[in-house]
Amino acid sequence: MRIGMIGAGAVGSVFGSDLYTAWPEDFFVIAAGERAERLSREGLVVNGEKFPARVEQPGPDARPAELIFVCVKNYGLESAIKDMAPFVGEGTVIVPLLNGISATPMLRAAFTQAKVMFGIAMGIDARRTGHAVDFTTRGVLQYGWERNAEPYRPEVLLVKQALDKTPIPQEIPADMERACWKKWMLNVGYNQVTAAVDCFIYECTTVPNYFRLTSAAMQEVVELAKARGVDLTEADREATEKFMAEFPRTAQTSMHQDIKAGRQTEIASFGGIVVAYGKESGVATPVNAVLQEIVLGKEEQNRQKASK
């Protein structure tokens, strides 16, 4: 089984190292240009250990894969689609592991010959420093079609076969659309608030003002879901708050890490889409509108500092 992965950031490095260990002859990383050279030279570095995964570049000699995991950031998806195109054949199964809810529709539009499912990484606490990644928990990888029931469809079983040989915890939710919206709600709340106010995840629980802000941002997603016919409720928001309260005190969101490191964030896929959907659906989203402006302002601050 040819198993490809594009995107070797925090999530991609952790899952990529596991896939390489389980499928050393079958797994490869898709990359182009300088990124391909670096990965070929340095490999994936996870918890201080180097995993020399094979790197394949797009070009006339590229061969289609049976399965591709997409682990790039949302703002890098268009570029990733171009790079992975030669590796996508008739029936290639694609599992996006991006934050948000827009990746699957984009990939389906780009690759009509493929089988593009939904996927999310829940609870992973990977932290990227330079090109190295550290983590303590893999969380759980959830994937599948919009609706899933046994006996599972062949594409779902193919992903399960690939993951069964790895230590990656996995789940196949019956309602994957709902699972994606629930993860998006989590990101809309915790990623944006931690980035906006510069705090750790646990402080969104222990600092009452931050908790109210996080909860309000997520509640706007709940209201959007109701307006758009998605099965997401206040009970899901409360369950998410309890889940996040159990995170280690050192855990940081990816957006908080990006702001601290001066990197671009995925704000357009969080507050940006919430605000856009709110206008389409007639749902007020004032909390997300403010959080979006704050994070965009921090990005601009970082750009101005870098230019001096």
Protein backbone atom coordinates (compact mmCIF):
# COMPACT_ATOMS: atom_id res chain seq x y z
CA MET A 1 0.00 0.00 0.00
CA ARG A 2 1.48 3.36 -1.03
CA ILE A 3 0.76 5.80 1.81
CA GLY A 4 1.57 9.46 1.24
CA MET A 5 1.47 12.45 3.57
CA ILE A 6 1.77 16.14 2.75
CA GLY A 7 2.53 18.60 5.52
CA ALA A 8 5.25 17.87 8.08
CA GLY A 9 4.35 20.35 10.80
CA ALA A 10 3.34 19.38 14.32
CA VAL A 11 0.53 16.93 13.52
CA GLY A 12 2.12 15.66 10.32
CA SER A 13 5.46 14.93 11.99
CA VAL A 14 3.92 12.93 14.84
CA PHE A 15 1.62 10.84 12.67
CA GLY A 16 4.22 10.67 9.91
CA SER A 17 6.81 9.18 12.25
CA ASP A 18 4.27 6.55 13.32
CA LEU A 19 3.36 5.72 9.72
CA TYR A 20 7.02 5.52 8.73
CA THR A 21 7.76 3.11 11.59
CA ALA A 22 4.78 0.90 10.69
CA TRP A 23 5.13 1.09 6.89
CA PRO A 24 8.82 1.87 6.20
CA GLU A 25 8.74 0.64 2.61
CA ASP A 26 5.33 2.09 1.74
CA PHE A 27 5.17 5.48 3.46
CA PHE A 28 6.47 8.67 1.84
CA VAL A 29 6.25 12.42 2.35
CA ILE A 30 5.17 14.69 -0.52
CA ALA A 31 7.22 17.88 -0.74
CA ALA A 32 8.76 20.17 -3.34
CA GLY A 33 11.72 22.49 -3.62
CA GLU A 34 13.59 23.60 -0.49
CA ARG A 35 11.15 21.79 1.77
CA ALA A 36 11.85 18.51 -0.01
CA GLU A 37 15.60 19.06 0.30
CA ARG A 38 15.33 19.78 4.02
CA LEU A 39 13.13 16.77 4.76
CA SER A 40 15.42 14.51 2.73
CA ARG A 41 18.39 15.82 4.68
CA GLU A 42 16.91 16.06 8.18
CA GLY A 43 13.96 13.64 8.14
CA LEU A 44 11.13 13.99 10.66
CA VAL A 45 12.42 14.88 14.14
CA VAL A 46 9.95 13.89 16.86
CA ASN A 47 10.73 13.84 20.59
CA GLY A 48 14.41 14.11 19.72
CA GLU A 49 14.41 11.07 17.43
CA LYS A 50 15.00 11.25 13.68
CA PHE A 51 12.76 9.33 11.28
CA PRO A 52 14.32 9.25 7.77
CA ALA A 53 11.07 9.02 5.83
CA ARG A 54 11.32 8.88 2.04
CA VAL A 55 10.51 12.16 0.27
CA GLU A 56 8.90 12.18 -3.17
CA GLN A 57 8.60 15.33 -5.25
CA PRO A 58 5.81 16.16 -7.72
CA GLY A 59 6.82 15.58 -11.30
CA PRO A 60 6.42 13.29 -14.32
CA ASP A 61 7.79 10.28 -12.43
CA ALA A 62 5.31 10.55 -9.54
CA ARG A 63 3.15 7.49 -8.96
CA PRO A 64 -0.37 7.61 -7.47
CA ALA A 65 -0.83 6.61 -3.86
CA GLU A 66 -3.63 4.51 -2.48
CA LEU A 67 -3.93 6.73 0.60
CA ILE A 68 -2.85 10.31 1.31
CA PHE A 69 -3.05 12.17 4.62
CA VAL A 70 -3.18 15.97 4.27
CA CYS A 71 -1.63 17.71 7.29
CA VAL A 72 -0.89 21.23 6.05
CA LYS A 73 -2.28 24.44 7.50
CA ASN A 74 -5.44 25.80 5.89
CA TYR A 75 -3.61 28.70 4.27
CA GLY A 76 -1.27 26.18 2.61
CA LEU A 77 -3.97 23.95 1.16
CA GLU A 78 -4.07 25.48 -2.32
CA SER A 79 -0.33 25.01 -2.72
CA ALA A 80 -0.57 21.48 -1.30
CA ILE A 81 -3.25 20.59 -3.86
CA LYS A 82 -0.85 21.48 -6.67
CA ASP A 83 2.00 19.47 -5.14
CA MET A 84 -0.07 16.37 -4.42
CA ALA A 85 -1.91 16.31 -7.76
CA PRO A 86 0.52 13.89 -9.49
CA PHE A 87 0.10 11.45 -6.59
CA VAL A 88 -3.71 11.38 -6.79
CA GLY A 89 -5.10 8.69 -9.07
CA GLU A 90 -8.48 7.13 -9.70
CA GLY A 91 -9.84 6.05 -6.34
CA THR A 92 -7.02 7.49 -4.20
CA VAL A 93 -8.34 7.87 -0.65
CA ILE A 94 -7.60 11.30 0.83
CA VAL A 95 -7.95 12.09 4.54
CA PRO A 96 -7.51 15.78 5.44
CA LEU A 97 -6.43 16.47 9.03
CA LEU A 98 -6.72 20.24 8.89
CA ASN A 99 -8.44 22.38 11.45
CA GLY A 100 -11.80 23.79 10.39
CA ILE A 101 -14.53 22.58 8.05
CA SER A 102 -13.46 23.80 4.61
CA ALA A 103 -10.70 21.34 3.59
CA THR A 104 -12.87 18.42 2.46
CA PRO A 105 -15.01 20.53 0.08
CA MET A 106 -11.87 22.09 -1.43
CA LEU A 107 -10.17 18.73 -1.93
CA ARG A 108 -13.32 17.19 -3.42
CA ALA A 109 -13.55 20.02 -5.92
CA ALA A 110 -9.88 19.62 -6.86
CA PHE A 111 -9.82 15.81 -7.09
CA THR A 112 -13.09 14.51 -8.49
CA GLN A 113 -11.42 11.17 -9.29
CA ALA A 114 -10.47 10.58 -5.65
CA LYS A 115 -12.31 9.48 -2.53
CA VAL A 116 -12.04 12.45 -0.15
CA MET A 117 -13.28 11.77 3.37
CA PHE A 118 -13.38 13.86 6.55
CA GLY A 119 -10.70 13.68 9.21
CA ILE A 120 -9.62 15.44 12.40
CA ALA A 121 -6.88 15.05 15.00
CA MET A 122 -8.39 15.42 18.48
CA GLY A 123 -6.38 16.03 21.64
CA ILE A 124 -2.85 15.85 20.20
CA ASP A 125 -0.51 18.19 22.10
CA ALA A 126 2.33 18.42 19.57
CA ARG A 127 4.58 21.47 19.80
CA ARG A 128 6.86 22.60 16.98
CA THR A 129 10.14 24.37 17.65
CA GLY A 130 11.96 25.15 14.43
CA HIS A 131 11.76 21.94 12.43
CA ALA A 132 11.57 19.65 15.50
CA VAL A 133 8.35 18.47 17.14
CA ASP A 134 7.68 17.24 20.68
CA PHE A 135 4.51 15.67 22.07
CA THR A 136 3.23 13.72 25.07
CA THR A 137 -0.13 12.49 23.76
CA ARG A 138 -1.32 11.59 20.27
CA GLY A 139 -4.96 12.20 21.13
CA VAL A 140 -7.17 10.37 18.65
CA LEU A 141 -7.49 10.48 14.86
CA GLN A 142 -11.13 10.51 13.71
CA TYR A 143 -12.07 9.89 10.09
CA GLY A 144 -14.82 8.68 7.77
CA TRP A 145 -17.61 9.77 5.47
CA GLU A 146 -20.35 12.15 6.60
CA ARG A 147 -22.20 9.13 8.04
CA ASN A 148 -20.57 5.82 8.99
CA ALA A 149 -22.00 2.46 10.06
CA GLU A 150 -20.74 -1.10 10.05
CA PRO A 151 -19.98 -2.77 7.75
CA TYR A 152 -17.75 0.16 6.85
CA ARG A 153 -17.19 1.22 3.26
CA PRO A 154 -13.94 0.04 1.59
CA GLU A 155 -12.31 3.47 1.81
CA VAL A 156 -12.82 3.58 5.58
CA LEU A 157 -11.42 0.07 5.93
CA LEU A 158 -8.34 1.05 3.93
CA VAL A 159 -7.55 3.87 6.38
CA LYS A 160 -8.20 1.54 9.30
CA GLN A 161 -5.80 -1.01 7.83
CA ALA A 162 -3.08 1.64 7.59
CA LEU A 163 -3.62 2.90 11.13
CA ASP A 164 -4.04 -0.51 12.77
CA LYS A 165 -0.29 -1.10 12.44
CA THR A 166 0.53 2.17 14.22
CA PRO A 167 0.09 3.37 17.84
CA ILE A 168 -2.23 6.13 16.59
CA PRO A 169 -5.58 5.91 18.44
CA GLN A 170 -8.46 6.01 15.96
CA GLU A 171 -12.22 6.43 15.89
CA ILE A 172 -14.82 6.23 13.12
CA PRO A 173 -17.69 8.46 14.30
CA ALA A 174 -21.20 7.61 13.13
CA ASP A 175 -21.76 11.32 12.35
CA MET A 176 -18.44 12.64 11.07
CA GLU A 177 -19.90 15.96 9.96
CA ARG A 178 -20.93 16.64 13.54
CA ALA A 179 -17.48 15.57 14.78
CA CYS A 180 -15.83 18.06 12.43
CA TRP A 181 -18.07 20.89 13.54
CA LYS A 182 -17.40 20.00 17.19
CA LYS A 183 -13.63 20.16 16.62
CA TRP A 184 -14.07 23.42 14.69
CA MET A 185 -16.06 24.83 17.62
CA LEU A 186 -13.19 23.87 19.95
CA ASN A 187 -10.66 25.63 17.72
CA VAL A 188 -12.83 28.71 17.32
CA GLY A 189 -12.93 29.04 21.10
CA TYR A 190 -9.58 27.90 22.46
CA ASN A 191 -7.23 28.69 19.57
CA GLN A 192 -8.53 32.22 19.14
CA VAL A 193 -8.74 33.13 22.82
CA THR A 194 -5.30 31.76 23.73
CA ALA A 195 -3.77 33.59 20.77
CA ALA A 196 -5.64 36.82 21.49
CA VAL A 197 -4.86 37.04 25.22
CA ASP A 198 -1.57 35.05 25.27
CA CYS A 199 -2.57 32.30 27.68
CA PHE A 200 -2.27 28.53 28.10
CA ILE A 201 -5.22 26.22 27.44
CA TYR A 202 -5.86 25.57 31.14
CA GLU A 203 -6.25 29.30 31.76
CA CYS A 204 -9.34 29.31 29.53
CA THR A 205 -10.88 27.28 32.36
CA THR A 206 -9.31 28.77 35.47
CA VAL A 207 -9.57 32.47 34.59
CA PRO A 208 -13.31 33.28 34.68
CA ASN A 209 -13.09 36.12 32.14
CA TYR A 210 -11.27 33.92 29.63
CA PHE A 211 -13.67 31.06 30.23
CA ARG A 212 -16.69 33.27 29.48
CA LEU A 213 -14.99 34.57 26.34
CA THR A 214 -14.10 31.07 25.11
CA SER A 215 -17.57 29.73 25.85
CA ALA A 216 -19.24 32.65 24.07
CA ALA A 217 -17.11 32.17 20.95
CA MET A 218 -18.07 28.49 20.84
CA GLN A 219 -21.75 29.25 21.47
CA GLU A 220 -21.78 31.31 18.27
CA VAL A 221 -20.73 28.15 16.40
CA VAL A 222 -23.57 26.26 18.08
CA GLU A 223 -26.02 28.91 16.86
CA LEU A 224 -24.58 28.64 13.34
CA ALA A 225 -24.95 24.86 13.43
CA LYS A 226 -28.61 25.17 14.38
CA ALA A 227 -29.19 27.58 11.50
CA ARG A 228 -27.41 25.31 9.00
CA GLY A 229 -28.95 21.98 10.06
CA VAL A 230 -25.89 20.51 11.79
CA ASP A 231 -26.43 18.42 14.94
CA LEU A 232 -24.35 20.49 17.38
CA THR A 233 -25.75 21.61 20.72
CA GLU A 234 -24.97 23.37 23.99
CA ALA A 235 -24.26 19.93 25.46
CA ASP A 236 -21.42 19.55 22.95
CA ARG A 237 -20.01 22.91 23.98
CA GLU A 238 -20.15 21.92 27.66
CA ALA A 239 -18.53 18.55 26.93
CA THR A 240 -15.74 20.35 25.05
CA GLU A 241 -15.15 22.67 28.00
CA LYS A 242 -14.80 19.68 30.33
CA PHE A 243 -12.50 17.91 27.86
CA MET A 244 -10.19 20.91 27.52
CA ALA A 245 -10.08 21.44 31.28
CA GLU A 246 -8.15 18.16 31.57
CA PHE A 247 -5.26 19.31 29.37
CA PRO A 248 -1.80 19.64 31.00
CA ARG A 249 -0.91 23.09 32.30
CA THR A 250 1.88 23.33 29.73
CA ALA A 251 -0.40 22.63 26.74
CA GLN A 252 -0.72 25.39 24.14
CA THR A 253 -2.95 25.71 21.10
CA SER A 254 -1.40 25.77 17.64
CA MET A 255 -2.58 29.34 17.00
CA HIS A 256 -1.02 30.54 20.25
CA GLN A 257 2.26 28.86 19.23
CA ASP A 258 2.07 30.45 15.78
CA ILE A 259 1.57 33.95 17.18
CA LYS A 260 4.44 33.52 19.66
CA ALA A 261 6.72 32.29 16.87
CA GLY A 262 5.73 35.06 14.47
CA ARG A 263 4.09 32.64 12.03
CA GLN A 264 0.91 33.09 10.00
CA THR A 265 -2.21 31.75 11.73
CA GLU A 266 -5.35 29.98 10.54
CA ILE A 267 -7.61 32.82 11.70
CA ALA A 268 -9.38 32.94 8.32
CA SER A 269 -10.59 29.36 8.85
CA PHE A 270 -11.83 30.05 12.38
CA GLY A 271 -13.25 33.50 13.12
CA GLY A 272 -13.20 34.37 9.44
CA ILE A 273 -15.56 31.56 8.47
CA VAL A 274 -17.71 32.05 11.57
CA VAL A 275 -18.29 35.68 10.63
CA ALA A 276 -18.92 34.81 6.96
CA TYR A 277 -21.36 32.03 7.83
CA GLY A 278 -23.06 34.33 10.31
CA LYS A 279 -23.77 36.86 7.57
CA GLU A 280 -25.08 34.10 5.28
CA SER A 281 -27.29 32.57 7.96
CA GLY A 282 -28.45 35.71 9.76
CA VAL A 283 -26.67 34.72 13.00
CA ALA A 284 -24.92 37.36 15.09
CA THR A 285 -21.22 36.60 15.71
CA PRO A 286 -19.82 39.63 17.59
CA VAL A 287 -17.40 37.68 19.80
CA ASN A 288 -15.71 36.00 16.86
CA ALA A 289 -15.62 39.28 14.96
CA VAL A 290 -13.63 40.88 17.80
CA LEU A 291 -11.33 37.87 18.28
CA GLN A 292 -10.59 37.85 14.56
CA GLU A 293 -9.57 41.51 14.63
CA ILE A 294 -7.29 40.95 17.64
CA VAL A 295 -5.50 37.98 16.10
CA LEU A 296 -5.14 39.75 12.75
CA GLY A 297 -3.70 42.72 14.65
CA LYS A 298 -1.16 40.47 16.36
CA GLU A 299 -0.16 39.03 12.98
CA GLU A 300 0.40 42.56 11.69
CA GLN A 301 2.45 43.41 14.77
CA ASN A 302 4.66 40.41 14.08
CA ARG A 303 5.12 41.46 10.45
CA GLN A 304 6.09 44.99 11.46
CA LYS A 305 8.60 43.70 14.01
CA ALA A 306 10.10 41.31 11.45
CA SER A 307 10.50 44.11 8.90
CA LYS A 308 12.53 46.36 11.21
